[in-house]
């Protein structure tokens, strides 16, 4: 079985988008299931009282963004990663671990309970903290690997040393 959309310019010509490999779907499903279970476990251990700032979801989303910053730097700039690593950990685990839907629902609940200041603080604070976490995760990975710019820059430096220009 392959997955992909068919379409075309007219009824006589059909083109296909590239099929998704079944192992990629398995990696995403496995990682997503594990990430969702981890998020559920944290939520059970750290429940959010009604009308209060949802710290557990906030921390889950910020930590997930920090980890995606690390992961994406490592697999794009440092490692030659296995083709299933990004689907397993990035799309799957971290996609299942972080949660935009719960974040949105908690904002709605805070607004409905009249906690407008908390709702808007959570709304803006999560976005700012999540973006900062990606930047900090990338910087941490860069620092820990001793890589100033990563693999892409090193390839460019080697090309320049050989006199090859893009």
N, C-alpha and C. Protein backbone atom coordinates (compact mmCIF):
# COMPACT_ATOMS: atom_id res chain seq x y z
N UNK A 1 0.85 -1.17 0.00
CA UNK A 1 0.00 0.00 0.00
C UNK A 1 0.89 1.23 0.00
N UNK A 2 0.54 2.20 -0.82
CA UNK A 2 1.27 3.46 -0.83
C UNK A 2 0.32 4.57 -0.47
N UNK A 3 0.88 5.64 0.03
CA UNK A 3 0.10 6.80 0.40
C UNK A 3 0.57 7.97 -0.45
N UNK A 4 -0.35 8.70 -1.04
CA UNK A 4 -0.01 9.85 -1.87
C UNK A 4 -1.25 10.34 -2.56
N UNK A 5 -1.26 11.58 -2.94
CA UNK A 5 -2.43 12.17 -3.59
C UNK A 5 -2.23 12.13 -5.10
N UNK A 6 -3.29 11.88 -5.80
CA UNK A 6 -3.26 11.92 -7.25
C UNK A 6 -3.89 13.23 -7.71
N UNK A 7 -3.39 13.76 -8.77
CA UNK A 7 -3.95 14.99 -9.30
C UNK A 7 -3.38 15.21 -10.68
N UNK A 8 -3.85 16.22 -11.37
CA UNK A 8 -3.31 16.46 -12.69
C UNK A 8 -3.90 17.72 -13.29
N UNK A 9 -3.39 18.07 -14.47
CA UNK A 9 -3.86 19.26 -15.15
C UNK A 9 -5.24 19.05 -15.73
N UNK A 10 -5.48 17.89 -16.29
CA UNK A 10 -6.80 17.60 -16.85
C UNK A 10 -7.13 16.15 -16.59
N UNK A 11 -8.26 15.71 -17.06
CA UNK A 11 -8.71 14.36 -16.78
C UNK A 11 -7.80 13.30 -17.40
N UNK A 12 -7.08 13.67 -18.49
CA UNK A 12 -6.26 12.70 -19.19
C UNK A 12 -4.89 12.48 -18.57
N UNK A 13 -4.37 13.44 -17.82
CA UNK A 13 -3.04 13.26 -17.24
C UNK A 13 -3.14 13.21 -15.73
N UNK A 14 -2.41 12.28 -15.17
CA UNK A 14 -2.43 12.12 -13.71
C UNK A 14 -0.99 12.13 -13.21
N UNK A 15 -0.77 12.84 -12.15
CA UNK A 15 0.54 12.83 -11.50
C UNK A 15 0.35 12.37 -10.08
N UNK A 16 1.40 11.82 -9.53
CA UNK A 16 1.34 11.34 -8.14
C UNK A 16 2.40 12.06 -7.32
N UNK A 17 2.02 12.35 -6.09
CA UNK A 17 3.02 12.83 -5.15
C UNK A 17 3.82 11.61 -4.70
N UNK A 18 5.04 11.80 -4.27
CA UNK A 18 5.83 10.64 -3.83
C UNK A 18 5.12 9.90 -2.70
N UNK A 19 5.19 8.59 -2.75
CA UNK A 19 4.57 7.76 -1.72
C UNK A 19 5.37 7.85 -0.42
N UNK A 20 4.69 7.76 0.69
CA UNK A 20 5.34 7.74 2.00
C UNK A 20 5.72 6.30 2.30
N UNK A 21 6.96 6.11 2.67
CA UNK A 21 7.42 4.77 2.99
C UNK A 21 6.71 4.26 4.25
N UNK A 22 6.27 3.02 4.24
CA UNK A 22 5.59 2.47 5.43
C UNK A 22 6.43 2.56 6.70
N UNK A 23 7.76 2.37 6.59
CA UNK A 23 8.60 2.44 7.79
C UNK A 23 8.63 3.84 8.38
N UNK A 24 8.49 4.87 7.55
CA UNK A 24 8.41 6.24 8.06
C UNK A 24 7.14 6.40 8.89
N UNK A 25 6.03 5.85 8.38
CA UNK A 25 4.77 5.92 9.12
C UNK A 25 4.85 5.14 10.44
N UNK A 26 5.53 4.01 10.42
CA UNK A 26 5.71 3.22 11.64
C UNK A 26 6.53 4.02 12.65
N UNK A 27 7.61 4.65 12.19
CA UNK A 27 8.46 5.45 13.08
C UNK A 27 7.66 6.61 13.69
N UNK A 28 6.88 7.30 12.87
CA UNK A 28 6.07 8.42 13.37
C UNK A 28 5.05 7.92 14.39
N UNK A 29 4.38 6.81 14.08
CA UNK A 29 3.36 6.26 14.98
C UNK A 29 3.97 5.81 16.31
N UNK A 30 5.09 5.13 16.22
CA UNK A 30 5.75 4.66 17.45
C UNK A 30 6.21 5.84 18.30
N UNK A 31 6.91 6.78 17.68
CA UNK A 31 7.37 7.96 18.42
C UNK A 31 6.22 8.78 18.96
N UNK A 32 5.19 8.98 18.13
CA UNK A 32 4.02 9.76 18.57
C UNK A 32 3.31 9.13 19.75
N UNK A 33 3.17 7.82 19.71
CA UNK A 33 2.54 7.11 20.83
C UNK A 33 3.33 7.27 22.12
N UNK A 34 4.65 7.13 22.01
CA UNK A 34 5.49 7.27 23.20
C UNK A 34 5.48 8.70 23.73
N UNK A 35 5.51 9.68 22.82
CA UNK A 35 5.46 11.08 23.24
C UNK A 35 4.15 11.43 23.92
N UNK A 36 3.05 10.92 23.36
CA UNK A 36 1.73 11.19 23.94
C UNK A 36 1.60 10.54 25.32
N UNK A 37 2.13 9.34 25.47
CA UNK A 37 2.08 8.67 26.77
C UNK A 37 2.93 9.44 27.79
N UNK A 38 4.08 9.95 27.37
CA UNK A 38 4.92 10.75 28.28
C UNK A 38 4.18 12.02 28.70
N UNK A 39 3.53 12.69 27.73
CA UNK A 39 2.77 13.90 28.06
C UNK A 39 1.62 13.58 29.01
N UNK A 40 0.91 12.51 28.74
CA UNK A 40 -0.20 12.10 29.60
C UNK A 40 0.30 11.83 31.02
N UNK A 41 1.43 11.13 31.13
CA UNK A 41 1.98 10.81 32.45
C UNK A 41 2.34 12.06 33.23
N UNK A 42 2.95 13.03 32.57
CA UNK A 42 3.29 14.29 33.25
C UNK A 42 2.02 15.01 33.68
N UNK A 43 1.02 15.02 32.80
CA UNK A 43 -0.26 15.65 33.15
C UNK A 43 -0.94 14.99 34.34
N UNK A 44 -0.82 13.68 34.45
CA UNK A 44 -1.41 12.96 35.58
C UNK A 44 -0.65 13.26 36.87
N UNK A 45 0.67 13.36 36.77
CA UNK A 45 1.49 13.63 37.95
C UNK A 45 1.42 15.09 38.39
N UNK A 46 1.08 15.98 37.44
CA UNK A 46 1.09 17.41 37.70
C UNK A 46 -0.20 18.02 37.13
N UNK A 47 -1.35 17.72 37.76
CA UNK A 47 -2.62 18.22 37.22
C UNK A 47 -2.76 19.74 37.36
N UNK A 48 -3.60 20.30 36.51
CA UNK A 48 -3.82 21.75 36.51
C UNK A 48 -5.14 22.03 37.25
N UNK A 49 -5.07 22.74 38.39
CA UNK A 49 -6.31 23.09 39.07
C UNK A 49 -7.12 24.09 38.22
N UNK A 50 -8.44 24.02 38.26
CA UNK A 50 -9.26 24.95 37.47
C UNK A 50 -8.93 26.41 37.79
N UNK A 51 -8.84 27.22 36.74
CA UNK A 51 -8.59 28.64 36.91
C UNK A 51 -7.16 29.00 37.25
N UNK A 52 -6.26 28.04 37.20
CA UNK A 52 -4.85 28.29 37.53
C UNK A 52 -3.99 28.20 36.27
N UNK A 53 -2.81 28.79 36.34
CA UNK A 53 -1.89 28.74 35.22
C UNK A 53 -1.52 27.27 34.96
N UNK A 54 -1.66 26.80 33.72
CA UNK A 54 -1.39 25.39 33.40
C UNK A 54 0.11 25.10 33.25
N UNK A 55 0.79 25.04 34.38
CA UNK A 55 2.24 24.88 34.36
C UNK A 55 2.69 23.60 33.69
N UNK A 56 1.97 22.51 33.87
CA UNK A 56 2.43 21.25 33.29
C UNK A 56 2.45 21.32 31.76
N UNK A 57 1.40 21.85 31.15
CA UNK A 57 1.37 21.98 29.69
C UNK A 57 2.42 22.98 29.22
N UNK A 58 2.57 24.06 29.94
CA UNK A 58 3.58 25.07 29.61
C UNK A 58 4.97 24.44 29.59
N UNK A 59 5.31 23.70 30.64
CA UNK A 59 6.63 23.07 30.73
C UNK A 59 6.80 22.01 29.64
N UNK A 60 5.77 21.21 29.41
CA UNK A 60 5.83 20.20 28.35
C UNK A 60 6.15 20.86 27.00
N UNK A 61 5.44 21.91 26.67
CA UNK A 61 5.64 22.56 25.37
C UNK A 61 7.01 23.23 25.28
N UNK A 62 7.44 23.87 26.34
CA UNK A 62 8.74 24.55 26.32
C UNK A 62 9.88 23.52 26.27
N UNK A 63 9.79 22.47 27.05
CA UNK A 63 10.82 21.43 27.01
C UNK A 63 10.84 20.76 25.63
N UNK A 64 9.67 20.49 25.07
CA UNK A 64 9.60 19.91 23.73
C UNK A 64 10.26 20.80 22.69
N UNK A 65 10.06 22.09 22.79
CA UNK A 65 10.68 23.03 21.86
C UNK A 65 12.19 23.09 22.06
N UNK A 66 12.64 23.03 23.30
CA UNK A 66 14.08 22.99 23.57
C UNK A 66 14.69 21.74 22.94
N UNK A 67 14.02 20.60 23.11
CA UNK A 67 14.53 19.35 22.56
C UNK A 67 14.51 19.34 21.04
N UNK A 68 13.50 19.95 20.42
CA UNK A 68 13.47 19.99 18.96
C UNK A 68 14.60 20.88 18.45
N UNK A 69 14.95 21.93 19.18
CA UNK A 69 16.10 22.75 18.80
C UNK A 69 17.39 21.94 18.81
N UNK A 70 17.58 21.14 19.85
CA UNK A 70 18.75 20.26 19.94
C UNK A 70 18.73 19.24 18.80
N UNK A 71 17.62 18.54 18.67
CA UNK A 71 17.51 17.48 17.68
C UNK A 71 17.76 17.98 16.26
N UNK A 72 17.09 19.06 15.90
CA UNK A 72 17.21 19.54 14.52
C UNK A 72 18.62 20.04 14.23
N UNK A 73 19.29 20.65 15.20
CA UNK A 73 20.68 21.05 14.97
C UNK A 73 21.55 19.82 14.76
N UNK A 74 21.39 18.82 15.63
CA UNK A 74 22.23 17.63 15.53
C UNK A 74 22.02 16.88 14.22
N UNK A 75 20.75 16.70 13.81
CA UNK A 75 20.53 15.88 12.60
C UNK A 75 20.73 16.65 11.30
N UNK A 76 20.76 17.97 11.37
CA UNK A 76 20.98 18.72 10.13
C UNK A 76 22.39 19.29 10.04
N UNK A 77 23.05 19.47 11.17
CA UNK A 77 24.35 20.14 11.14
C UNK A 77 25.52 19.31 11.66
N UNK A 78 25.25 18.28 12.43
CA UNK A 78 26.34 17.54 13.07
C UNK A 78 26.40 16.09 12.59
N UNK A 79 25.30 15.39 12.70
CA UNK A 79 25.29 13.97 12.37
C UNK A 79 24.86 13.74 10.93
N UNK A 80 25.25 12.60 10.44
CA UNK A 80 24.60 12.05 9.26
C UNK A 80 23.60 11.06 9.85
N UNK A 81 22.37 11.54 10.01
CA UNK A 81 21.36 10.80 10.77
C UNK A 81 20.68 9.73 9.93
N UNK A 82 20.27 8.67 10.59
CA UNK A 82 19.46 7.63 9.95
C UNK A 82 18.18 8.27 9.43
N UNK A 83 17.69 7.82 8.32
CA UNK A 83 16.52 8.44 7.68
C UNK A 83 15.25 8.38 8.54
N UNK A 84 15.21 7.50 9.54
CA UNK A 84 14.02 7.39 10.38
C UNK A 84 14.13 8.17 11.70
N UNK A 85 15.30 8.76 11.95
CA UNK A 85 15.49 9.45 13.23
C UNK A 85 14.57 10.67 13.36
N UNK A 86 14.51 11.50 12.33
CA UNK A 86 13.64 12.68 12.40
C UNK A 86 12.16 12.29 12.49
N UNK A 87 11.67 11.35 11.66
CA UNK A 87 10.27 10.95 11.83
C UNK A 87 9.98 10.35 13.21
N UNK A 88 10.91 9.57 13.74
CA UNK A 88 10.70 8.94 15.05
C UNK A 88 10.70 9.95 16.19
N UNK A 89 11.77 10.76 16.26
CA UNK A 89 11.92 11.67 17.39
C UNK A 89 11.29 13.04 17.18
N UNK A 90 11.46 13.62 16.01
CA UNK A 90 10.95 14.97 15.76
C UNK A 90 9.46 14.99 15.53
N UNK A 91 9.03 14.38 14.44
CA UNK A 91 7.60 14.37 14.10
C UNK A 91 6.83 13.51 15.09
N UNK A 92 7.37 12.34 15.40
CA UNK A 92 6.68 11.40 16.27
C UNK A 92 6.71 11.77 17.74
N UNK A 93 7.84 11.49 18.41
CA UNK A 93 7.89 11.68 19.86
C UNK A 93 7.61 13.12 20.27
N UNK A 94 8.36 14.07 19.71
CA UNK A 94 8.17 15.46 20.15
C UNK A 94 6.84 16.02 19.65
N UNK A 95 6.36 15.55 18.50
CA UNK A 95 5.03 15.95 18.04
C UNK A 95 3.93 15.43 18.95
N UNK A 96 4.11 14.21 19.46
CA UNK A 96 3.13 13.64 20.39
C UNK A 96 3.28 14.19 21.80
N UNK A 97 4.48 14.58 22.14
CA UNK A 97 4.75 15.10 23.49
C UNK A 97 4.21 16.52 23.66
N UNK A 98 4.51 17.39 22.71
CA UNK A 98 4.01 18.76 22.80
C UNK A 98 2.55 18.79 22.39
N UNK A 99 1.85 19.85 22.78
CA UNK A 99 0.41 19.86 22.53
C UNK A 99 -0.13 21.26 22.32
N UNK A 100 -0.51 21.55 21.10
CA UNK A 100 -1.14 22.82 20.81
C UNK A 100 -2.63 22.76 21.18
N UNK A 101 -3.24 21.60 21.02
CA UNK A 101 -4.67 21.49 21.31
C UNK A 101 -4.97 21.69 22.80
N UNK A 102 -4.19 21.09 23.68
CA UNK A 102 -4.40 21.28 25.11
C UNK A 102 -4.12 22.72 25.51
N UNK A 103 -3.08 23.30 24.92
CA UNK A 103 -2.74 24.71 25.14
C UNK A 103 -3.94 25.59 24.79
N UNK A 104 -4.53 25.36 23.63
CA UNK A 104 -5.69 26.14 23.19
C UNK A 104 -6.89 25.94 24.11
N UNK A 105 -7.15 24.70 24.49
CA UNK A 105 -8.27 24.39 25.38
C UNK A 105 -8.08 25.06 26.74
N UNK A 106 -6.88 25.05 27.26
CA UNK A 106 -6.63 25.67 28.57
C UNK A 106 -6.81 27.18 28.51
N UNK A 107 -6.43 27.80 27.39
CA UNK A 107 -6.67 29.24 27.23
C UNK A 107 -8.17 29.50 27.25
N UNK A 108 -8.92 28.70 26.51
CA UNK A 108 -10.39 28.87 26.48
C UNK A 108 -10.98 28.70 27.87
N UNK A 109 -10.55 27.71 28.61
CA UNK A 109 -11.07 27.49 29.97
C UNK A 109 -10.75 28.66 30.89
N UNK A 110 -9.53 29.19 30.76
CA UNK A 110 -9.16 30.35 31.59
C UNK A 110 -10.03 31.56 31.24
N UNK A 111 -10.28 31.77 29.97
CA UNK A 111 -11.14 32.89 29.56
C UNK A 111 -12.57 32.70 30.06
N UNK A 112 -13.08 31.48 29.94
CA UNK A 112 -14.45 31.19 30.40
C UNK A 112 -14.60 31.37 31.91
N UNK A 113 -13.53 31.09 32.65
CA UNK A 113 -13.62 31.24 34.11
C UNK A 113 -13.35 32.67 34.56
N UNK A 114 -13.10 33.57 33.60
CA UNK A 114 -12.89 34.97 33.94
C UNK A 114 -11.45 35.34 34.26
N UNK A 115 -10.54 34.40 34.09
CA UNK A 115 -9.13 34.65 34.38
C UNK A 115 -8.42 35.18 33.12
N UNK A 116 -8.88 36.34 32.66
CA UNK A 116 -8.40 36.90 31.40
C UNK A 116 -6.90 37.20 31.44
N UNK A 117 -6.43 37.78 32.52
CA UNK A 117 -5.00 38.11 32.61
C UNK A 117 -4.14 36.86 32.56
N UNK A 118 -4.56 35.82 33.28
CA UNK A 118 -3.81 34.55 33.27
C UNK A 118 -3.86 33.94 31.87
N UNK A 119 -5.04 33.98 31.24
CA UNK A 119 -5.20 33.40 29.90
C UNK A 119 -4.27 34.08 28.90
N UNK A 120 -4.25 35.41 28.89
CA UNK A 120 -3.40 36.11 27.93
C UNK A 120 -1.92 36.01 28.30
N UNK A 121 -1.62 35.93 29.59
CA UNK A 121 -0.24 35.69 30.01
C UNK A 121 0.25 34.33 29.52
N UNK A 122 -0.62 33.34 29.66
CA UNK A 122 -0.30 31.98 29.20
C UNK A 122 -0.18 31.96 27.67
N UNK A 123 -1.08 32.62 26.99
CA UNK A 123 -1.07 32.67 25.53
C UNK A 123 0.25 33.25 25.01
N UNK A 124 0.60 34.43 25.47
CA UNK A 124 1.83 35.07 25.00
C UNK A 124 3.09 34.45 25.59
N UNK A 125 3.01 34.10 26.86
CA UNK A 125 4.18 33.54 27.53
C UNK A 125 4.63 32.23 26.92
N UNK A 126 3.67 31.39 26.51
CA UNK A 126 4.03 30.11 25.90
C UNK A 126 4.72 30.32 24.56
N UNK A 127 4.20 31.22 23.75
CA UNK A 127 4.81 31.47 22.44
C UNK A 127 6.24 31.99 22.60
N UNK A 128 6.41 32.97 23.46
CA UNK A 128 7.75 33.55 23.67
C UNK A 128 8.70 32.49 24.25
N UNK A 129 8.25 31.78 25.26
CA UNK A 129 9.11 30.77 25.90
C UNK A 129 9.44 29.63 24.93
N UNK A 130 8.47 29.21 24.11
CA UNK A 130 8.70 28.12 23.16
C UNK A 130 9.73 28.53 22.10
N UNK A 131 9.59 29.73 21.56
CA UNK A 131 10.56 30.21 20.57
C UNK A 131 11.95 30.36 21.20
N UNK A 132 11.99 30.89 22.40
CA UNK A 132 13.28 31.03 23.09
C UNK A 132 13.89 29.66 23.37
N UNK A 133 13.06 28.67 23.69
CA UNK A 133 13.55 27.33 23.97
C UNK A 133 14.18 26.69 22.73
N UNK A 134 13.59 26.91 21.55
CA UNK A 134 14.19 26.38 20.32
C UNK A 134 15.57 27.01 20.10
N UNK A 135 15.65 28.32 20.27
CA UNK A 135 16.93 29.03 20.09
C UNK A 135 17.94 28.53 21.12
N UNK A 136 17.53 28.40 22.37
CA UNK A 136 18.44 27.93 23.42
C UNK A 136 18.85 26.47 23.20
N UNK A 137 17.92 25.64 22.75
CA UNK A 137 18.25 24.24 22.45
C UNK A 137 19.28 24.14 21.34
N UNK A 138 19.09 24.93 20.30
CA UNK A 138 20.06 24.95 19.20
C UNK A 138 21.42 25.44 19.69
N UNK A 139 21.42 26.51 20.49
CA UNK A 139 22.68 27.05 21.02
C UNK A 139 23.35 26.04 21.95
N UNK A 140 22.57 25.35 22.76
CA UNK A 140 23.14 24.35 23.67
C UNK A 140 23.78 23.21 22.88
N UNK A 141 23.10 22.75 21.83
CA UNK A 141 23.66 21.68 21.00
C UNK A 141 24.93 22.15 20.30
N UNK A 142 24.91 23.36 19.81
CA UNK A 142 26.09 23.93 19.15
C UNK A 142 27.26 24.00 20.14
N UNK A 143 26.98 24.47 21.35
CA UNK A 143 28.01 24.59 22.38
C UNK A 143 28.55 23.22 22.78
N UNK A 144 27.65 22.28 23.04
CA UNK A 144 28.06 20.95 23.51
C UNK A 144 28.82 20.16 22.46
N UNK A 145 28.58 20.42 21.19
CA UNK A 145 29.31 19.72 20.13
C UNK A 145 30.58 20.46 19.74
N UNK A 146 30.75 21.67 20.28
CA UNK A 146 31.92 22.46 19.93
C UNK A 146 31.86 22.96 18.50
N UNK A 147 30.67 22.94 17.95
CA UNK A 147 30.47 23.34 16.56
C UNK A 147 29.99 24.78 16.51
N UNK A 148 30.80 25.62 15.94
CA UNK A 148 30.38 27.03 15.86
C UNK A 148 29.22 27.19 14.89
N UNK A 149 29.34 26.58 13.72
CA UNK A 149 28.29 26.75 12.71
C UNK A 149 27.71 25.44 12.24
N UNK A 150 28.36 24.32 12.52
CA UNK A 150 27.81 23.04 12.12
C UNK A 150 28.39 22.52 10.83
N UNK A 151 27.86 21.39 10.40
CA UNK A 151 28.34 20.66 9.23
C UNK A 151 28.23 21.48 7.95
N UNK A 152 27.15 22.22 7.77
CA UNK A 152 26.96 22.98 6.54
C UNK A 152 28.10 23.98 6.35
N UNK A 153 28.50 24.65 7.42
CA UNK A 153 29.58 25.63 7.34
C UNK A 153 30.90 24.94 7.06
N UNK A 154 31.12 23.79 7.69
CA UNK A 154 32.35 23.05 7.47
C UNK A 154 32.47 22.61 6.02
N UNK A 155 31.36 22.19 5.41
CA UNK A 155 31.38 21.82 3.99
C UNK A 155 31.76 23.02 3.14
N UNK A 156 31.21 24.17 3.47
CA UNK A 156 31.54 25.39 2.75
C UNK A 156 33.01 25.74 2.90
N UNK A 157 33.55 25.58 4.12
CA UNK A 157 34.96 25.87 4.36
C UNK A 157 35.86 24.94 3.56
N UNK A 158 35.49 23.66 3.46
CA UNK A 158 36.28 22.71 2.68
C UNK A 158 36.25 23.06 1.20
N UNK A 159 35.08 23.46 0.71
CA UNK A 159 34.97 23.85 -0.70
C UNK A 159 35.86 25.06 -0.99
N UNK A 160 35.82 26.05 -0.09
CA UNK A 160 36.64 27.25 -0.29
C UNK A 160 38.12 26.90 -0.25
N UNK A 161 38.52 25.99 0.64
CA UNK A 161 39.93 25.60 0.73
C UNK A 161 40.39 24.92 -0.55
N UNK A 162 39.49 24.19 -1.22
CA UNK A 162 39.81 23.51 -2.47
C UNK A 162 39.61 24.43 -3.68
N UNK A 163 39.10 25.61 -3.44
CA UNK A 163 38.86 26.54 -4.54
C UNK A 163 37.55 26.30 -5.27
N UNK A 164 36.64 25.53 -4.65
CA UNK A 164 35.33 25.25 -5.25
C UNK A 164 34.33 26.26 -4.69
N UNK A 165 33.63 26.92 -5.55
CA UNK A 165 32.62 27.89 -5.11
C UNK A 165 31.26 27.47 -5.61
N UNK A 166 30.25 27.84 -4.87
CA UNK A 166 28.88 27.50 -5.27
C UNK A 166 28.40 28.35 -6.41
